[in-house]
Protein backbone atom coordinates (compact mmCIF):
# COMPACT_ATOMS: atom_id res chain seq x y z
CA UNK A 1 17.76 -7.41 11.49
CA UNK A 2 16.66 -9.52 8.52
CA UNK A 3 13.11 -9.84 7.46
CA UNK A 4 11.50 -11.90 4.62
CA UNK A 5 8.42 -10.23 3.23
CA UNK A 6 5.94 -10.78 0.41
CA UNK A 7 5.80 -7.58 -1.56
CA UNK A 8 2.20 -6.36 -1.70
CA UNK A 9 2.51 -2.62 -2.39
CA UNK A 10 4.96 -0.47 -4.34
CA UNK A 11 3.07 2.78 -4.77
CA UNK A 12 3.93 6.32 -5.78
CA UNK A 13 5.25 8.78 -3.21
CA UNK A 14 7.07 12.05 -3.92
CA UNK A 15 8.23 10.72 -7.35
CA UNK A 16 9.62 7.74 -5.50
CA UNK A 17 8.03 4.77 -3.83
CA UNK A 18 6.26 3.56 -0.73
CA UNK A 19 7.04 -0.15 -0.41
CA UNK A 20 5.17 -2.49 1.91
CA UNK A 21 4.52 -6.22 2.51
CA UNK A 22 3.86 -8.87 5.09
CA UNK A 23 6.50 -10.72 7.02
CA UNK A 24 6.08 -14.37 5.94
CA UNK A 25 7.35 -15.61 9.24
CA UNK A 26 4.92 -13.81 11.57
CA UNK A 27 2.25 -12.22 9.39
CA UNK A 28 3.11 -8.63 10.46
CA UNK A 29 2.96 -5.71 8.06
CA UNK A 30 6.26 -4.07 7.18
CA UNK A 31 6.62 -0.67 5.45
CA UNK A 32 10.15 -0.13 4.21
CA UNK A 33 11.33 3.45 4.76
CA UNK A 34 14.58 5.33 4.03
CA UNK A 35 16.39 7.96 6.13
CA UNK A 36 15.96 10.59 3.41
CA UNK A 37 13.74 13.41 4.83
CA UNK A 38 13.67 15.27 1.46
CA UNK A 39 11.37 12.58 0.03
CA UNK A 40 9.56 11.92 3.33
CA UNK A 41 11.41 8.62 3.87
CA UNK A 42 10.32 7.17 0.55
CA UNK A 43 12.31 4.53 -1.34
CA UNK A 44 14.07 5.23 -4.63
CA UNK A 45 14.41 2.91 -7.55
CA UNK A 46 18.09 2.58 -6.82
CA UNK A 47 17.41 1.69 -3.24
CA UNK A 48 15.27 -1.30 -4.21
CA UNK A 49 17.28 -2.67 -7.14
CA UNK A 50 18.43 -6.22 -6.82
CA UNK A 51 22.16 -6.86 -7.26
CA UNK A 52 21.57 -7.92 -10.90
CA UNK A 53 19.94 -4.51 -11.61
CA UNK A 54 16.39 -5.77 -11.91
CA UNK A 55 13.54 -4.38 -9.75
CA UNK A 56 11.08 -6.05 -7.45
CA UNK A 57 7.56 -6.91 -8.57
CA UNK A 58 4.42 -7.46 -6.59
CA UNK A 59 4.25 -10.87 -4.97
CA UNK A 60 8.09 -11.24 -4.93
CA UNK A 61 9.33 -12.60 -1.67
CA UNK A 62 12.16 -10.36 -0.52
CA UNK A 63 14.89 -10.64 2.09
CA UNK A 64 15.71 -7.17 3.39
CA UNK A 65 18.12 -6.00 6.07
CA UNK A 66 16.75 -3.39 8.44
CA UNK A 67 18.53 -1.04 10.96
CA UNK A 68 15.61 -0.42 13.32
CA UNK A 69 11.91 -0.25 13.73
CA UNK A 70 10.97 3.42 13.06
CA UNK A 71 7.27 4.05 13.64
CA UNK A 72 5.67 7.45 13.52
CA UNK A 73 2.32 8.59 15.02
CA UNK A 74 0.22 7.31 12.15
CA UNK A 75 2.32 4.46 10.58
CA UNK A 76 3.40 1.93 13.23
CA UNK A 77 4.64 -0.52 10.58
CA UNK A 78 7.71 1.49 9.42
CA UNK A 79 11.19 -0.11 9.36
CA UNK A 80 14.38 1.65 8.26
CA UNK A 81 16.17 -0.46 5.69
CA UNK A 82 20.01 -0.84 5.70
CA UNK A 83 21.33 0.62 2.41
CA UNK A 84 24.58 -1.16 2.71
CA UNK A 85 22.93 -4.38 1.56
CA UNK A 86 21.10 -5.26 -1.63
CA UNK A 87 17.52 -6.50 -1.42
CA UNK A 88 17.35 -10.15 -2.36
CA UNK A 89 14.48 -12.01 -4.16
CA UNK A 90 14.19 -15.40 -2.46
CA UNK A 91 10.94 -16.55 -4.10
CA UNK A 92 7.55 -15.74 -5.62
CA UNK A 93 4.21 -15.98 -3.93
CA UNK A 94 1.02 -17.26 -5.53
CA UNK A 95 -1.74 -14.62 -5.86
CA UNK A 96 -4.46 -17.01 -4.70
CA UNK A 97 -2.44 -18.09 -1.74
CA UNK A 98 -1.70 -14.53 -0.75
CA UNK A 99 -5.40 -13.58 -0.91
CA UNK A 100 -6.36 -16.65 1.15
CA UNK A 101 -3.67 -16.01 3.81
CA UNK A 102 -3.61 -12.20 4.13
CA UNK A 103 -6.83 -10.59 2.90
CA UNK A 104 -9.22 -9.77 5.74
CA UNK A 105 -12.58 -8.24 6.39
CA UNK A 106 -11.53 -7.11 9.81
CA UNK A 107 -11.65 -4.60 11.41
CA UNK A 108 -15.24 -3.43 10.82
CA UNK A 109 -14.29 -0.14 9.24
CA UNK A 110 -11.48 0.61 6.91
CA UNK A 111 -9.19 2.79 9.12
CA UNK A 112 -11.77 3.71 11.82
CA UNK A 113 -14.53 5.10 9.66
CA UNK A 114 -16.21 5.07 6.20
CA UNK A 115 -14.74 8.44 5.05
CA UNK A 116 -11.98 9.06 2.52
CA UNK A 117 -9.57 10.33 5.12
CA UNK A 118 -8.87 10.22 8.87
CA UNK A 119 -8.20 13.38 10.85
CA UNK A 120 -4.66 13.63 12.23
CA UNK A 121 -5.93 14.61 15.75
CA UNK A 122 -8.08 11.46 15.92
CA UNK A 123 -5.10 9.18 15.15
CA UNK A 124 -3.05 10.95 17.76
CA UNK A 125 -5.81 10.32 20.33
CA UNK A 126 -5.56 6.57 19.87
CA UNK A 127 -3.47 4.15 21.86
CA UNK A 128 -0.49 2.68 20.10
CA UNK A 129 -2.09 -0.81 19.88
CA UNK A 130 -5.06 0.71 18.14
CA UNK A 131 -3.10 2.23 15.31
CA UNK A 132 -2.52 0.67 11.89
CA UNK A 133 -1.86 2.06 8.42
CA UNK A 134 -1.89 -0.92 6.14
CA UNK A 135 -4.59 -3.62 5.44
CA UNK A 136 -5.34 -6.09 2.66
CA UNK A 137 -9.00 -6.60 1.85
CA UNK A 138 -11.19 -8.36 -0.76
CA UNK A 139 -13.88 -5.80 -1.45
CA UNK A 140 -17.23 -6.26 -3.16
CA UNK A 141 -18.69 -4.53 -6.22
CA UNK A 142 -15.28 -2.99 -7.06
CA UNK A 143 -15.38 -0.17 -9.72
CA UNK A 144 -12.48 1.69 -11.31
CA UNK A 145 -13.17 5.27 -12.29
CA UNK A 146 -11.10 7.08 -14.93
CA UNK A 147 -11.72 10.85 -15.16
CA UNK A 148 -9.96 13.78 -16.77
CA UNK A 149 -9.41 16.83 -14.50
CA UNK A 150 -7.76 20.14 -15.32
CA UNK A 151 -4.51 18.80 -13.91
CA UNK A 152 -4.82 15.55 -15.85
CA UNK A 153 -6.44 12.12 -15.72
CA UNK A 154 -6.85 10.38 -12.39
CA UNK A 155 -7.76 6.83 -11.43
CA UNK A 156 -9.86 6.15 -8.34
CA UNK A 157 -11.85 3.21 -7.02
CA UNK A 158 -15.10 2.63 -5.28
CA UNK A 159 -16.15 -0.53 -3.51
CA UNK A 160 -18.09 -2.13 -0.62
CA UNK A 161 -16.22 -3.35 2.48
CA UNK A 162 -18.25 -4.87 5.27
CA UNK A 163 -21.44 -3.57 3.59
CA UNK A 164 -20.21 0.01 3.69
CA UNK A 165 -19.47 2.01 0.59
CA UNK A 166 -16.06 3.66 0.12
CA UNK A 167 -16.07 6.05 -2.80
CA UNK A 168 -13.41 7.43 -5.09
CA UNK A 169 -10.22 6.42 -3.23
CA UNK A 170 -7.05 7.40 -5.08
CA UNK A 171 -5.07 4.66 -6.74
CA UNK A 172 -1.29 4.96 -6.24
CA UNK A 173 -0.33 1.51 -7.55
CA UNK A 174 1.75 2.73 -10.59
CA UNK A 175 1.28 -0.33 -12.83
CA UNK A 176 -2.47 -0.58 -12.24
CA UNK A 177 -2.85 3.15 -12.59
CA UNK A 178 -0.91 3.27 -15.90
CA UNK A 179 -3.08 0.49 -17.36
CA UNK A 180 -6.32 2.52 -16.70
CA UNK A 181 -4.79 5.89 -17.61
CA UNK A 182 -4.56 4.46 -21.16
CA UNK A 183 -8.23 3.83 -21.21
CA UNK A 184 -11.08 6.16 -22.09
CA UNK A 185 -12.89 8.07 -19.30
CA UNK A 186 -15.52 6.04 -17.65
CA UNK A 187 -16.26 3.44 -14.99
CA UNK A 188 -14.98 -0.17 -15.20
CA UNK A 189 -16.23 -3.00 -13.04
CA UNK A 190 -13.88 -5.56 -11.47
CA UNK A 191 -16.79 -7.17 -9.46
CA UNK A 192 -15.32 -9.06 -6.48
CA UNK A 193 -12.23 -10.20 -8.27
CA UNK A 194 -9.32 -8.41 -6.61
CA UNK A 195 -7.33 -7.89 -3.41
CA UNK A 196 -6.59 -4.28 -2.51
CA UNK A 197 -3.84 -3.07 -0.24
CA UNK A 198 -5.00 0.14 1.41
CA UNK A 199 -2.64 2.44 3.19
CA UNK A 200 -2.91 5.74 5.10
CA UNK A 201 -0.92 8.52 3.39
CA UNK A 202 1.02 11.31 5.01
CA UNK A 203 -0.56 14.26 6.71
CA UNK A 204 -2.24 16.50 4.14
CA UNK A 205 -3.91 19.57 5.64
CA UNK A 206 -4.63 17.84 8.89
CA UNK A 207 -5.87 14.52 7.48
CA UNK A 208 -4.50 11.20 6.25
CA UNK A 209 -6.12 9.89 3.01
CA UNK A 210 -6.89 6.31 2.38
CA UNK A 211 -4.92 5.23 -0.67
CA UNK A 212 -5.09 2.05 -2.77
CA UNK A 213 -1.39 1.28 -2.86
CA UNK A 214 -1.51 -2.30 -4.24
CA UNK A 215 -4.00 -4.13 -6.53
CA UNK A 216 -3.65 -7.93 -6.87
CA UNK A 217 -5.86 -9.68 -9.36
CA UNK A 218 -5.57 -13.53 -9.39
């Protein structure tokens, strides 16, 4: 099956990438997964290269061939791509249009509650039509935190969504993270001027953390 998606997230996962976007024909989220269990079905750089050797960028409109819908218990949006075909860039989306079309302030909570993670048991208790692991939002009072830890610098974000505070969510958008890793420790304000793509990560000690996998600033 062929799907045309606007690329909204290309985040770090097991030294490879978690790639996701929205089907421009029906508005559904698509997470592109591989059949490689050693990297937890992540996508490699070689997997996503265009035929001319270049790599996708956020807001590219991609045509990708898929073999099957391959959901798991916490990520219903997963589709297995067909590695016998190159991905194809068929256009470029405008950031303002993407924000207007796809950013949402629904549902009320960001993945069921206002915590940093969702318990695995809770997700497994939901009906299939209640599950989701990708969302695009336009938060308020967005702040970027850069802090040095014993294992190195980390970039996190805090913001308000539907009048609830979400604090210190990890940033896995590699380009945005790299930009802020080069800055001094501290807190930087982005105000209300960004769209965030939030995803649920894999199971980590019985919970799935909320990760900022894409940052789009018009």
